[in-house]
Every structure is written in C-alpha cells, then in structure tokens.
PDB file of all heavy atoms in Angstrom:
ATOM      1  N   LEU A   1     -99.450  -8.974 -60.635  1.00  0.00           N
ATOM      2  CA  LEU A   1     -99.892  -8.900 -62.032  1.00  0.00           C
ATOM      3  C   LEU A   1     -99.846  -7.478 -62.555  1.00  0.00           C
ATOM      4  O   LEU A   1     -99.343  -7.228 -63.649  1.00  0.00           O
ATOM      5  CB  LEU A   1    -101.311  -9.468 -62.171  1.00  0.00           C
ATOM      6  CG  LEU A   1    -101.867  -9.494 -63.587  1.00  0.00           C
ATOM      7  CD1 LEU A   1    -101.028 -10.405 -64.479  1.00  0.00           C
ATOM      8  CD2 LEU A   1    -103.309  -9.953 -63.577  1.00  0.00           C
ATOM      9  N   SER A   2    -100.332  -6.525 -61.783  1.00  0.00           N
ATOM     10  CA  SER A   2    -100.329  -5.142 -62.275  1.00  0.00           C
ATOM     11  C   SER A   2     -98.913  -4.599 -62.387  1.00  0.00           C
ATOM     12  O   SER A   2     -98.624  -3.818 -63.284  1.00  0.00           O
ATOM     13  CB  SER A   2    -101.184  -4.240 -61.378  1.00  0.00           C
ATOM     14  OG  SER A   2    -100.634  -4.137 -60.092  1.00  0.00           O
ATOM     15  N   SER A   3     -98.014  -5.026 -61.516  1.00  0.00           N
ATOM     16  CA  SER A   3     -96.624  -4.570 -61.600  1.00  0.00           C
ATOM     17  C   SER A   3     -95.945  -5.112 -62.853  1.00  0.00           C
ATOM     18  O   SER A   3     -95.146  -4.425 -63.474  1.00  0.00           O
ATOM     19  CB  SER A   3     -95.838  -5.015 -60.369  1.00  0.00           C
ATOM     20  OG  SER A   3     -96.338  -4.393 -59.222  1.00  0.00           O
ATOM     21  N   ALA A   4     -96.277  -6.333 -63.209  1.00  0.00           N
ATOM     22  CA  ALA A   4     -95.621  -6.960 -64.359  1.00  0.00           C
ATOM     23  C   ALA A   4     -96.265  -6.614 -65.694  1.00  0.00           C
ATOM     24  O   ALA A   4     -95.577  -6.467 -66.702  1.00  0.00           O
ATOM     25  CB  ALA A   4     -95.606  -8.480 -64.179  1.00  0.00           C
ATOM     26  N   HIS A   5     -97.594  -6.495 -65.725  1.00  0.00           N
ATOM     27  CA  HIS A   5     -98.300  -6.341 -67.007  1.00  0.00           C
ATOM     28  C   HIS A   5     -99.140  -5.078 -67.120  1.00  0.00           C
ATOM     29  O   HIS A   5     -99.777  -4.872 -68.142  1.00  0.00           O
ATOM     30  CB  HIS A   5     -99.179  -7.564 -67.271  1.00  0.00           C
ATOM     31  CG  HIS A   5     -98.399  -8.816 -67.488  1.00  0.00           C
ATOM     32  ND1 HIS A   5     -97.698  -9.071 -68.639  1.00  0.00           N
ATOM     33  CD2 HIS A   5     -98.187  -9.885 -66.686  1.00  0.00           C
ATOM     34  CE1 HIS A   5     -97.097 -10.235 -68.548  1.00  0.00           C
ATOM     35  NE2 HIS A   5     -97.376 -10.750 -67.366  1.00  0.00           N
ATOM     36  N   GLY A   6     -99.219  -4.290 -66.068  1.00  0.00           N
ATOM     37  CA  GLY A   6     -99.948  -3.032 -66.133  1.00  0.00           C
ATOM     38  C   GLY A   6    -101.388  -3.144 -65.660  1.00  0.00           C
ATOM     39  O   GLY A   6    -101.913  -4.217 -65.388  1.00  0.00           O
ATOM     40  N   VAL A   7    -102.015  -1.995 -65.592  1.00  0.00           N
ATOM     41  CA  VAL A   7    -103.360  -1.883 -65.031  1.00  0.00           C
ATOM     42  C   VAL A   7    -104.403  -2.553 -65.920  1.00  0.00           C
ATOM     43  O   VAL A   7    -105.358  -3.150 -65.432  1.00  0.00           O
ATOM     44  CB  VAL A   7    -103.705  -0.396 -64.794  1.00  0.00           C
ATOM     45  CG1 VAL A   7    -105.113  -0.234 -64.283  1.00  0.00           C
ATOM     46  CG2 VAL A   7    -102.719   0.223 -63.827  1.00  0.00           C
ATOM     47  N   GLU A   8    -104.236  -2.481 -67.229  1.00  0.00           N
ATOM     48  CA  GLU A   8    -105.237  -3.073 -68.126  1.00  0.00           C
ATOM     49  C   GLU A   8    -105.311  -4.588 -67.946  1.00  0.00           C
ATOM     50  O   GLU A   8    -106.398  -5.160 -67.840  1.00  0.00           O
ATOM     51  CB  GLU A   8    -104.923  -2.728 -69.580  1.00  0.00           C
ATOM     52  CG  GLU A   8    -105.986  -3.201 -70.529  1.00  0.00           C
ATOM     53  CD  GLU A   8    -105.692  -2.822 -71.968  1.00  0.00           C
ATOM     54  OE1 GLU A   8    -104.879  -1.926 -72.211  1.00  0.00           O
ATOM     55  OE2 GLU A   8    -106.298  -3.456 -72.849  1.00  0.00           O
ATOM     56  N   ALA A   9    -104.156  -5.244 -67.899  1.00  0.00           N
ATOM     57  CA  ALA A   9    -104.144  -6.701 -67.683  1.00  0.00           C
ATOM     58  C   ALA A   9    -104.703  -7.036 -66.307  1.00  0.00           C
ATOM     59  O   ALA A   9    -105.466  -8.000 -66.146  1.00  0.00           O
ATOM     60  CB  ALA A   9    -102.723  -7.238 -67.828  1.00  0.00           C
ATOM     61  N   TYR A  10    -104.346  -6.234 -65.324  1.00  0.00           N
ATOM     62  CA  TYR A  10    -104.870  -6.423 -63.967  1.00  0.00           C
ATOM     63  C   TYR A  10    -106.395  -6.354 -63.973  1.00  0.00           C
ATOM     64  O   TYR A  10    -107.073  -7.207 -63.403  1.00  0.00           O
ATOM     65  CB  TYR A  10    -104.285  -5.356 -63.049  1.00  0.00           C
ATOM     66  CG  TYR A  10    -104.948  -5.256 -61.705  1.00  0.00           C
ATOM     67  CD1 TYR A  10    -104.603  -6.125 -60.681  1.00  0.00           C
ATOM     68  CD2 TYR A  10    -105.930  -4.299 -61.462  1.00  0.00           C
ATOM     69  CE1 TYR A  10    -105.210  -6.032 -59.449  1.00  0.00           C
ATOM     70  CE2 TYR A  10    -106.540  -4.213 -60.232  1.00  0.00           C
ATOM     71  CZ  TYR A  10    -106.176  -5.078 -59.228  1.00  0.00           C
ATOM     72  OH  TYR A  10    -106.789  -4.988 -58.014  1.00  0.00           O
ATOM     73  N   ALA A  11    -106.959  -5.364 -64.640  1.00  0.00           N
ATOM     74  CA  ALA A  11    -108.413  -5.195 -64.678  1.00  0.00           C
ATOM     75  C   ALA A  11    -109.085  -6.351 -65.415  1.00  0.00           C
ATOM     76  O   ALA A  11    -110.145  -6.827 -64.994  1.00  0.00           O
ATOM     77  CB  ALA A  11    -108.772  -3.873 -65.332  1.00  0.00           C
ATOM     78  N   ARG A  12    -108.474  -6.815 -66.503  1.00  0.00           N
ATOM     79  CA  ARG A  12    -109.069  -7.923 -67.264  1.00  0.00           C
ATOM     80  C   ARG A  12    -109.136  -9.208 -66.438  1.00  0.00           C
ATOM     81  O   ARG A  12    -110.055 -10.003 -66.587  1.00  0.00           O
ATOM     82  CB  ARG A  12    -108.286  -8.176 -68.546  1.00  0.00           C
ATOM     83  CG  ARG A  12    -108.617  -7.212 -69.657  1.00  0.00           C
ATOM     84  CD  ARG A  12    -108.112  -7.694 -71.012  1.00  0.00           C
ATOM     85  NE  ARG A  12    -106.751  -8.188 -70.996  1.00  0.00           N
ATOM     86  CZ  ARG A  12    -105.681  -7.450 -71.300  1.00  0.00           C
ATOM     87  NH1 ARG A  12    -105.816  -6.192 -71.652  1.00  0.00           N
ATOM     88  NH2 ARG A  12    -104.478  -7.971 -71.256  1.00  0.00           N
ATOM     89  N   VAL A  13    -108.154  -9.428 -65.576  1.00  0.00           N
ATOM     90  CA  VAL A  13    -108.122 -10.647 -64.772  1.00  0.00           C
ATOM     91  C   VAL A  13    -108.903 -10.476 -63.467  1.00  0.00           C
ATOM     92  O   VAL A  13    -109.698 -11.341 -63.088  1.00  0.00           O
ATOM     93  CB  VAL A  13    -106.655 -11.065 -64.464  1.00  0.00           C
ATOM     94  CG1 VAL A  13    -106.608 -12.212 -63.461  1.00  0.00           C
ATOM     95  CG2 VAL A  13    -105.940 -11.445 -65.752  1.00  0.00           C
ATOM     96  N   PHE A  14    -108.704  -9.367 -62.777  1.00  0.00           N
ATOM     97  CA  PHE A  14    -109.261  -9.263 -61.433  1.00  0.00           C
ATOM     98  C   PHE A  14    -110.679  -8.693 -61.374  1.00  0.00           C
ATOM     99  O   PHE A  14    -111.314  -8.773 -60.324  1.00  0.00           O
ATOM    100  CB  PHE A  14    -108.303  -8.522 -60.502  1.00  0.00           C
ATOM    101  CG  PHE A  14    -107.250  -9.450 -59.982  1.00  0.00           C
ATOM    102  CD1 PHE A  14    -106.027  -9.569 -60.617  1.00  0.00           C
ATOM    103  CD2 PHE A  14    -107.511 -10.263 -58.893  1.00  0.00           C
ATOM    104  CE1 PHE A  14    -105.074 -10.463 -60.167  1.00  0.00           C
ATOM    105  CE2 PHE A  14    -106.569 -11.155 -58.428  1.00  0.00           C
ATOM    106  CZ  PHE A  14    -105.343 -11.264 -59.064  1.00  0.00           C
ATOM    107  N   THR A  15    -111.216  -8.207 -62.473  1.00  0.00           N
ATOM    108  CA  THR A  15    -112.638  -7.857 -62.464  1.00  0.00           C
ATOM    109  C   THR A  15    -113.478  -9.130 -62.380  1.00  0.00           C
ATOM    110  O   THR A  15    -114.334  -9.253 -61.495  1.00  0.00           O
ATOM    111  CB  THR A  15    -113.003  -7.002 -63.686  1.00  0.00           C
ATOM    112  OG1 THR A  15    -112.265  -5.774 -63.611  1.00  0.00           O
ATOM    113  CG2 THR A  15    -114.491  -6.714 -63.738  1.00  0.00           C
ATOM    114  N   PRO A  16    -113.243 -10.140 -63.253  1.00  0.00           N
ATOM    115  CA  PRO A  16    -114.000 -11.384 -63.076  1.00  0.00           C
ATOM    116  C   PRO A  16    -113.606 -12.140 -61.800  1.00  0.00           C
ATOM    117  O   PRO A  16    -114.432 -12.832 -61.207  1.00  0.00           O
ATOM    118  CB  PRO A  16    -113.689 -12.202 -64.329  1.00  0.00           C
ATOM    119  CG  PRO A  16    -112.570 -11.543 -65.004  1.00  0.00           C
ATOM    120  CD  PRO A  16    -112.466 -10.149 -64.502  1.00  0.00           C
ATOM    121  N   MET A  17    -112.353 -11.985 -61.340  1.00  0.00           N
ATOM    122  CA  MET A  17    -111.957 -12.645 -60.095  1.00  0.00           C
ATOM    123  C   MET A  17    -112.733 -12.069 -58.920  1.00  0.00           C
ATOM    124  O   MET A  17    -113.128 -12.801 -58.004  1.00  0.00           O
ATOM    125  CB  MET A  17    -110.444 -12.481 -59.882  1.00  0.00           C
ATOM    126  CG  MET A  17    -109.918 -13.213 -58.681  1.00  0.00           C
ATOM    127  SD  MET A  17    -110.157 -14.985 -58.837  1.00  0.00           S
ATOM    128  CE  MET A  17    -110.058 -15.455 -57.126  1.00  0.00           C
ATOM    129  N   ALA A  18    -112.987 -10.769 -58.939  1.00  0.00           N
ATOM    130  CA  ALA A  18    -113.790 -10.153 -57.881  1.00  0.00           C
ATOM    131  C   ALA A  18    -115.223 -10.678 -57.930  1.00  0.00           C
ATOM    132  O   ALA A  18    -115.842 -10.924 -56.885  1.00  0.00           O
ATOM    133  CB  ALA A  18    -113.770  -8.633 -58.017  1.00  0.00           C
ATOM    134  N   ALA A  19    -115.751 -10.871 -59.133  1.00  0.00           N
ATOM    135  CA  ALA A  19    -117.094 -11.441 -59.265  1.00  0.00           C
ATOM    136  C   ALA A  19    -117.121 -12.872 -58.736  1.00  0.00           C
ATOM    137  O   ALA A  19    -118.083 -13.289 -58.084  1.00  0.00           O
ATOM    138  CB  ALA A  19    -117.547 -11.391 -60.724  1.00  0.00           C
ATOM    139  N   CYS A  20    -116.064 -13.619 -58.981  1.00  0.00           N
ATOM    140  CA  CYS A  20    -115.944 -14.979 -58.458  1.00  0.00           C
ATOM    141  C   CYS A  20    -115.981 -14.963 -56.930  1.00  0.00           C
ATOM    142  O   CYS A  20    -116.712 -15.743 -56.305  1.00  0.00           O
ATOM    143  CB  CYS A  20    -114.643 -15.614 -58.956  1.00  0.00           C
ATOM    144  SG  CYS A  20    -114.202 -17.160 -58.146  1.00  0.00           S
ATOM    145  N   GLU A  21    -115.211 -14.073 -56.349  1.00  0.00           N
ATOM    146  CA  GLU A  21    -115.175 -13.976 -54.888  1.00  0.00           C
ATOM    147  C   GLU A  21    -116.558 -13.610 -54.332  1.00  0.00           C
ATOM    148  O   GLU A  21    -117.013 -14.183 -53.338  1.00  0.00           O
ATOM    149  CB  GLU A  21    -114.136 -12.945 -54.464  1.00  0.00           C
ATOM    150  CG  GLU A  21    -113.979 -12.830 -52.968  1.00  0.00           C
ATOM    151  CD  GLU A  21    -112.975 -11.770 -52.562  1.00  0.00           C
ATOM    152  OE1 GLU A  21    -112.553 -10.957 -53.410  1.00  0.00           O
ATOM    153  OE2 GLU A  21    -112.622 -11.752 -51.362  1.00  0.00           O
ATOM    154  N   ARG A  22    -117.235 -12.662 -54.976  1.00  0.00           N
ATOM    155  CA  ARG A  22    -118.580 -12.281 -54.525  1.00  0.00           C
ATOM    156  C   ARG A  22    -119.544 -13.459 -54.609  1.00  0.00           C
ATOM    157  O   ARG A  22    -120.357 -13.682 -53.707  1.00  0.00           O
ATOM    158  CB  ARG A  22    -119.114 -11.104 -55.347  1.00  0.00           C
ATOM    159  CG  ARG A  22    -118.532  -9.770 -54.955  1.00  0.00           C
ATOM    160  CD  ARG A  22    -119.289  -8.615 -55.601  1.00  0.00           C
ATOM    161  NE  ARG A  22    -119.348  -8.684 -57.047  1.00  0.00           N
ATOM    162  CZ  ARG A  22    -118.414  -8.224 -57.872  1.00  0.00           C
ATOM    163  NH1 ARG A  22    -117.322  -7.656 -57.382  1.00  0.00           N
ATOM    164  NH2 ARG A  22    -118.556  -8.313 -59.170  1.00  0.00           N
ATOM    165  N   CYS A  23    -119.470 -14.230 -55.686  1.00  0.00           N
ATOM    166  CA  CYS A  23    -120.351 -15.395 -55.827  1.00  0.00           C
ATOM    167  C   CYS A  23    -120.071 -16.437 -54.753  1.00  0.00           C
ATOM    168  O   CYS A  23    -121.003 -17.056 -54.215  1.00  0.00           O
ATOM    169  CB  CYS A  23    -120.205 -16.019 -57.216  1.00  0.00           C
ATOM    170  SG  CYS A  23    -120.979 -15.049 -58.522  1.00  0.00           S
ATOM    171  N   LEU A  24    -118.801 -16.633 -54.418  1.00  0.00           N
ATOM    172  CA  LEU A  24    -118.483 -17.578 -53.345  1.00  0.00           C
ATOM    173  C   LEU A  24    -119.017 -17.083 -52.005  1.00  0.00           C
ATOM    174  O   LEU A  24    -119.517 -17.879 -51.199  1.00  0.00           O
ATOM    175  CB  LEU A  24    -116.970 -17.812 -53.264  1.00  0.00           C
ATOM    176  CG  LEU A  24    -116.380 -18.666 -54.373  1.00  0.00           C
ATOM    177  CD1 LEU A  24    -114.857 -18.706 -54.270  1.00  0.00           C
ATOM    178  CD2 LEU A  24    -116.954 -20.080 -54.323  1.00  0.00           C
ATOM    179  N   ASN A  25    -118.925 -15.784 -51.770  1.00  0.00           N
ATOM    180  CA  ASN A  25    -119.497 -15.235 -50.537  1.00  0.00           C
ATOM    181  C   ASN A  25    -121.013 -15.415 -50.518  1.00  0.00           C
ATOM    182  O   ASN A  25    -121.594 -15.746 -49.481  1.00  0.00           O
ATOM    183  CB  ASN A  25    -119.130 -13.757 -50.375  1.00  0.00           C
ATOM    184  CG  ASN A  25    -117.699 -13.575 -49.933  1.00  0.00           C
ATOM    185  OD1 ASN A  25    -117.195 -14.319 -49.108  1.00  0.00           O
ATOM    186  ND2 ASN A  25    -117.036 -12.584 -50.506  1.00  0.00           N
ATOM    187  N   ARG A  26    -121.655 -15.208 -51.660  1.00  0.00           N
ATOM    188  CA  ARG A  26    -123.096 -15.420 -51.743  1.00  0.00           C
ATOM    189  C   ARG A  26    -123.441 -16.893 -51.526  1.00  0.00           C
ATOM    190  O   ARG A  26    -124.453 -17.224 -50.905  1.00  0.00           O
ATOM    191  CB  ARG A  26    -123.635 -14.964 -53.100  1.00  0.00           C
ATOM    192  CG  ARG A  26    -123.705 -13.482 -53.256  1.00  0.00           C
ATOM    193  CD  ARG A  26    -124.383 -13.124 -54.587  1.00  0.00           C
ATOM    194  NE  ARG A  26    -124.047 -11.779 -54.951  1.00  0.00           N
ATOM    195  CZ  ARG A  26    -123.456 -11.406 -56.076  1.00  0.00           C
ATOM    196  NH1 ARG A  26    -123.149 -12.305 -56.994  1.00  0.00           N
ATOM    197  NH2 ARG A  26    -123.177 -10.146 -56.315  1.00  0.00           N
ATOM    198  N   ALA A  27    -122.616 -17.779 -52.085  1.00  0.00           N
ATOM    199  CA  ALA A  27    -122.849 -19.222 -51.913  1.00  0.00           C
ATOM    200  C   ALA A  27    -122.787 -19.593 -50.435  1.00  0.00           C
ATOM    201  O   ALA A  27    -123.643 -20.334 -49.938  1.00  0.00           O
ATOM    202  CB  ALA A  27    -121.820 -20.020 -52.711  1.00  0.00           C
ATOM    203  N   TRP A  28    -121.815 -19.094 -49.745  1.00  0.00           N
ATOM    204  CA  TRP A  28    -121.689 -19.363 -48.318  1.00  0.00           C
ATOM    205  C   TRP A  28    -122.900 -18.814 -47.564  1.00  0.00           C
ATOM    206  O   TRP A  28    -123.493 -19.491 -46.729  1.00  0.00           O
ATOM    207  CB  TRP A  28    -120.394 -18.759 -47.772  1.00  0.00           C
ATOM    208  CG  TRP A  28    -120.200 -19.039 -46.326  1.00  0.00           C
ATOM    209  CD1 TRP A  28    -119.597 -20.143 -45.784  1.00  0.00           C
ATOM    210  CD2 TRP A  28    -120.610 -18.217 -45.236  1.00  0.00           C
ATOM    211  NE1 TRP A  28    -119.613 -20.055 -44.420  1.00  0.00           N
ATOM    212  CE2 TRP A  28    -120.227 -18.881 -44.047  1.00  0.00           C
ATOM    213  CE3 TRP A  28    -121.258 -17.000 -45.137  1.00  0.00           C
ATOM    214  CZ2 TRP A  28    -120.473 -18.353 -42.794  1.00  0.00           C
ATOM    215  CZ3 TRP A  28    -121.501 -16.470 -43.876  1.00  0.00           C
ATOM    216  CH2 TRP A  28    -121.116 -17.147 -42.721  1.00  0.00           C
ATOM    217  N   SER A  29    -123.261 -17.576 -47.872  1.00  0.00           N
ATOM    218  CA  SER A  29    -124.387 -16.935 -47.208  1.00  0.00           C
ATOM    219  C   SER A  29    -125.696 -17.692 -47.461  1.00  0.00           C
ATOM    220  O   SER A  29    -126.502 -17.895 -46.542  1.00  0.00           O
ATOM    221  CB  SER A  29    -124.500 -15.487 -47.680  1.00  0.00           C
ATOM    222  OG  SER A  29    -125.569 -14.838 -47.042  1.00  0.00           O
ATOM    223  N   ALA A  30    -125.915 -18.109 -48.703  1.00  0.00           N
ATOM    224  CA  ALA A  30    -127.135 -18.851 -49.032  1.00  0.00           C
ATOM    225  C   ALA A  30    -127.177 -20.170 -48.269  1.00  0.00           C
ATOM    226  O   ALA A  30    -128.239 -20.581 -47.779  1.00  0.00           O
ATOM    227  CB  ALA A  30    -127.209 -19.100 -50.537  1.00  0.00           C
ATOM    228  N   LEU A  31    -126.049 -20.816 -48.146  1.00  0.00           N
ATOM    229  CA  LEU A  31    -126.006 -22.090 -47.430  1.00  0.00           C
ATOM    230  C   LEU A  31    -126.293 -21.893 -45.944  1.00  0.00           C
ATOM    231  O   LEU A  31    -127.052 -22.662 -45.347  1.00  0.00           O
ATOM    232  CB  LEU A  31    -124.642 -22.741 -47.633  1.00  0.00           C
ATOM    233  CG  LEU A  31    -124.543 -24.206 -47.272  1.00  0.00           C
ATOM    234  CD1 LEU A  31    -125.573 -25.014 -48.037  1.00  0.00           C
ATOM    235  CD2 LEU A  31    -123.156 -24.714 -47.569  1.00  0.00           C
ATOM    236  N   VAL A  32    -125.712 -20.863 -45.371  1.00  0.00           N
ATOM    237  CA  VAL A  32    -125.956 -20.568 -43.962  1.00  0.00           C
ATOM    238  C   VAL A  32    -127.425 -20.234 -43.727  1.00  0.00           C
ATOM    239  O   VAL A  32    -128.000 -20.571 -42.692  1.00  0.00           O
ATOM    240  CB  VAL A  32    -125.031 -19.424 -43.486  1.00  0.00           C
ATOM    241  CG1 VAL A  32    -125.427 -18.916 -42.122  1.00  0.00           C
ATOM    242  CG2 VAL A  32    -123.580 -19.889 -43.466  1.00  0.00           C
ATOM    243  N   ASP A  33    -128.048 -19.584 -44.709  1.00  0.00           N
ATOM    244  CA  ASP A  33    -129.466 -19.227 -44.596  1.00  0.00           C
ATOM    245  C   ASP A  33    -130.397 -20.392 -44.936  1.00  0.00           C
ATOM    246  O   ASP A  33    -131.622 -20.231 -44.939  1.00  0.00           O
ATOM    247  CB  ASP A  33    -129.788 -18.040 -45.506  1.00  0.00           C
ATOM    248  CG  ASP A  33    -129.183 -16.748 -44.999  1.00  0.00           C
ATOM    249  OD1 ASP A  33    -128.796 -16.692 -43.815  1.00  0.00           O
ATOM    250  OD2 ASP A  33    -129.094 -15.785 -45.790  1.00  0.00           O
ATOM    251  N   GLY A  34    -129.826 -21.552 -45.259  1.00  0.00           N
ATOM    252  CA  GLY A  34    -130.646 -22.727 -45.511  1.00  0.00           C
ATOM    253  C   GLY A  34    -131.127 -22.898 -46.936  1.00  0.00           C
ATOM    254  O   GLY A  34    -132.173 -23.495 -47.179  1.00  0.00           O
ATOM    255  N   HIS A  35    -130.364 -22.393 -47.898  1.00  0.00           N
ATOM    256  CA  HIS A  35    -130.735 -22.507 -49.313  1.00  0.00           C
ATOM    257  C   HIS A  35    -129.604 -23.184 -50.094  1.00  0.00           C
ATOM    258  O   HIS A  35    -128.868 -22.531 -50.842  1.00  0.00           O
ATOM    259  CB  HIS A  35    -131.024 -21.127 -49.892  1.00  0.00           C
ATOM    260  CG  HIS A  35    -132.092 -20.381 -49.165  1.00  0.00           C
ATOM    261  ND1 HIS A  35    -133.421 -20.685 -49.297  1.00  0.00           N
ATOM    262  CD2 HIS A  35    -132.016 -19.358 -48.275  1.00  0.00           C
ATOM    263  CE1 HIS A  35    -134.134 -19.885 -48.534  1.00  0.00           C
ATOM    264  NE2 HIS A  35    -133.303 -19.072 -47.897  1.00  0.00           N
ATOM    265  N   PRO A  36    -129.466 -24.507 -49.938  1.00  0.00           N
ATOM    266  CA  PRO A  36    -128.343 -25.197 -50.591  1.00  0.00           C
ATOM    267  C   PRO A  36    -128.395 -25.144 -52.117  1.00  0.00           C
ATOM    268  O   PRO A  36    -127.344 -25.094 -52.764  1.00  0.00           O
ATOM    269  CB  PRO A  36    -128.445 -26.634 -50.081  1.00  0.00           C
ATOM    270  CG  PRO A  36    -129.821 -26.773 -49.550  1.00  0.00           C
ATOM    271  CD  PRO A  36    -130.278 -25.408 -49.143  1.00  0.00           C
ATOM    272  N   ALA A  37    -129.590 -25.142 -52.706  1.00  0.00           N
ATOM    273  CA  ALA A  37    -129.672 -25.077 -54.176  1.00  0.00           C
ATOM    274  C   ALA A  37    -129.118 -23.746 -54.683  1.00  0.00           C
ATOM    275  O   ALA A  37    -128.370 -23.702 -55.669  1.00  0.00           O
ATOM    276  CB  ALA A  37    -131.116 -25.272 -54.637  1.00  0.00           C
TER     277      ALA A  37
END
C-alpha cells in the first residue's frame, strides 16, 4: 500500500489496522485469563 499510494494512505489504513490487531490480542488475552465478556 505505501509503495503504491504513499505514506499518508498507508497511515490512514494501517493506524486503525494496528488498533484492530491490538484489540484482537487483548481479546485473546482476556479469554485466556477467564474473561469471555
């Protein structure tokens, strides 16, 4: 994406994508710790 559209487009897409990844990691961690909700 950054090669084709530049750093600004990359940042607009992958900043929220990084937040998505962090939330999924937190979801996994919470489940392992016994907090399914």
